[in-house]
Structure formats: structure tokens, C-alpha cells
């Protein structure tokens, strides 16, 4: 799957530390790190909303898609 997580970019733009963001949205630093690294299979809309609220951004600022040919549902 070609989903790219740009959370680290938004944290840098907002000059916010990961531990501060984690505390503000009520998430463990470990779980926030997993999201940041893209080591997750799913994210709750409530978590995505909290990230967007605290970083003053939209979901598209945090997530991107790059076609990589591994999508089994993709038929050309």
C-alpha cells in the first residue's frame, strides 16, 4: 500500500515535539511514533481528527498516497 504519513513534516512545520502532541491528544508516545513511522494498519477518525485539531491542518496534510503497484485491487 502506498500510503505515506507526513506527521513528522507537520510536527516540524508547527515546531512541536512528538511528546507534546502525544500528551495533548491523549496518545502514548509509542503509539504516536508508530503512526509517524507508518507502522500502523488503521487509524481511528477520532485520532486523525485530534491530530488535525492540534496541528491545525487537514487529513491530506498528514496522509498522502503514492501508487507503488502493490495494491491488489488496482487493475489497469
C-alpha atoms as a PDB file:
ATOM      1  CA  UNK A   1       0.000   0.000   0.000  1.00  0.00           C
ATOM      2  CA  UNK A   2       1.356   3.396  -0.938  1.00  0.00           C
ATOM      3  CA  UNK A   3       0.079   5.476   1.983  1.00  0.00           C
ATOM      4  CA  UNK A   4       2.673   7.982   3.150  1.00  0.00           C
ATOM      5  CA  UNK A   5       2.411   9.536   6.608  1.00  0.00           C
ATOM      6  CA  UNK A   6       3.698  13.115   6.774  1.00  0.00           C
ATOM      7  CA  UNK A   7       3.205  13.603  10.506  1.00  0.00           C
ATOM      8  CA  UNK A   8       6.891  14.333  11.056  1.00  0.00           C
ATOM      9  CA  UNK A   9       6.720  17.093   8.428  1.00  0.00           C
ATOM     10  CA  UNK A  10       3.734  18.733  10.145  1.00  0.00           C
ATOM     11  CA  UNK A  11       5.400  18.474  13.550  1.00  0.00           C
ATOM     12  CA  UNK A  12       8.454  20.255  12.144  1.00  0.00           C
ATOM     13  CA  UNK A  13       6.322  22.941  10.464  1.00  0.00           C
ATOM     14  CA  UNK A  14       4.485  23.572  13.727  1.00  0.00           C
ATOM     15  CA  UNK A  15       7.718  23.355  15.760  1.00  0.00           C
ATOM     16  CA  UNK A  16       6.074  20.868  18.093  1.00  0.00           C
ATOM     17  CA  UNK A  17       7.703  17.907  19.804  1.00  0.00           C
ATOM     18  CA  UNK A  18       6.138  14.462  19.458  1.00  0.00           C
ATOM     19  CA  UNK A  19       5.783  14.046  23.222  1.00  0.00           C
ATOM     20  CA  UNK A  20       3.866  17.333  23.468  1.00  0.00           C
ATOM     21  CA  UNK A  21       1.475  16.285  20.702  1.00  0.00           C
ATOM     22  CA  UNK A  22       1.011  12.845  22.243  1.00  0.00           C
ATOM     23  CA  UNK A  23       0.093  14.380  25.590  1.00  0.00           C
ATOM     24  CA  UNK A  24      -2.325  16.879  24.022  1.00  0.00           C
ATOM     25  CA  UNK A  25      -4.278  14.205  22.151  1.00  0.00           C
ATOM     26  CA  UNK A  26      -4.119  11.561  24.893  1.00  0.00           C
ATOM     27  CA  UNK A  27      -1.992   9.066  22.978  1.00  0.00           C
ATOM     28  CA  UNK A  28       1.093   7.243  24.185  1.00  0.00           C
ATOM     29  CA  UNK A  29       4.384   8.399  22.716  1.00  0.00           C
ATOM     30  CA  UNK A  30       4.929   4.848  21.447  1.00  0.00           C
ATOM     31  CA  UNK A  31       1.639   4.834  19.519  1.00  0.00           C
ATOM     32  CA  UNK A  32       2.280   8.291  18.095  1.00  0.00           C
ATOM     33  CA  UNK A  33       5.721   7.105  16.967  1.00  0.00           C
ATOM     34  CA  UNK A  34       4.123   4.105  15.224  1.00  0.00           C
ATOM     35  CA  UNK A  35       1.753   6.444  13.383  1.00  0.00           C
ATOM     36  CA  UNK A  36       4.607   8.781  12.475  1.00  0.00           C
ATOM     37  CA  UNK A  37       6.656   5.920  11.035  1.00  0.00           C
ATOM     38  CA  UNK A  38       3.676   4.469   9.154  1.00  0.00           C
ATOM     39  CA  UNK A  39       3.811   1.232  11.169  1.00  0.00           C
ATOM     40  CA  UNK A  40       0.039   1.028  11.519  1.00  0.00           C
ATOM     41  CA  UNK A  41      -2.713  -0.705   9.578  1.00  0.00           C
ATOM     42  CA  UNK A  42      -5.508   1.658  10.583  1.00  0.00           C
ATOM     43  CA  UNK A  43      -6.166   4.931  12.354  1.00  0.00           C
ATOM     44  CA  UNK A  44      -9.354   5.981  14.092  1.00  0.00           C
ATOM     45  CA  UNK A  45     -11.074   9.044  12.707  1.00  0.00           C
ATOM     46  CA  UNK A  46     -11.127  10.441  16.248  1.00  0.00           C
ATOM     47  CA  UNK A  47      -7.324  10.166  16.413  1.00  0.00           C
ATOM     48  CA  UNK A  48      -6.928  11.683  12.963  1.00  0.00           C
ATOM     49  CA  UNK A  49      -9.269  14.493  13.984  1.00  0.00           C
ATOM     50  CA  UNK A  50      -7.304  15.137  17.170  1.00  0.00           C
ATOM     51  CA  UNK A  51      -4.048  15.263  15.210  1.00  0.00           C
ATOM     52  CA  UNK A  52      -5.567  17.751  12.760  1.00  0.00           C
ATOM     53  CA  UNK A  53      -7.005  19.862  15.575  1.00  0.00           C
ATOM     54  CA  UNK A  54      -3.703  20.150  17.437  1.00  0.00           C
ATOM     55  CA  UNK A  55      -1.591  20.652  14.306  1.00  0.00           C
ATOM     56  CA  UNK A  56      -4.128  23.000  12.693  1.00  0.00           C
ATOM     57  CA  UNK A  57      -4.160  21.033   9.446  1.00  0.00           C
ATOM     58  CA  UNK A  58      -6.320  18.781   7.281  1.00  0.00           C
ATOM     59  CA  UNK A  59      -6.065  14.987   6.913  1.00  0.00           C
ATOM     60  CA  UNK A  60      -4.493  15.469   3.466  1.00  0.00           C
ATOM     61  CA  UNK A  61      -1.637  17.350   5.116  1.00  0.00           C
ATOM     62  CA  UNK A  62      -0.848  14.249   7.179  1.00  0.00           C
ATOM     63  CA  UNK A  63      -1.574  11.472   4.682  1.00  0.00           C
ATOM     64  CA  UNK A  64      -0.601  11.063   1.061  1.00  0.00           C
ATOM     65  CA  UNK A  65      -0.875   8.277  -1.492  1.00  0.00           C
ATOM     66  CA  UNK A  66       1.779   7.129  -3.894  1.00  0.00           C
ATOM     67  CA  UNK A  67       0.981   4.390  -6.351  1.00  0.00           C
ATOM     68  CA  UNK A  68       3.511   1.597  -5.919  1.00  0.00           C
ATOM     69  CA  UNK A  69       1.962  -1.298  -7.818  1.00  0.00           C
ATOM     70  CA  UNK A  70       1.358  -3.404  -4.725  1.00  0.00           C
ATOM     71  CA  UNK A  71      -2.356  -2.590  -4.462  1.00  0.00           C
ATOM     72  CA  UNK A  72      -4.058  -5.874  -5.318  1.00  0.00           C
ATOM     73  CA  UNK A  73      -7.368  -4.106  -6.005  1.00  0.00           C
ATOM     74  CA  UNK A  74      -5.760  -1.899  -8.629  1.00  0.00           C
ATOM     75  CA  UNK A  75      -6.499  -3.089 -12.142  1.00  0.00           C
ATOM     76  CA  UNK A  76      -5.346  -1.131 -15.194  1.00  0.00           C
END
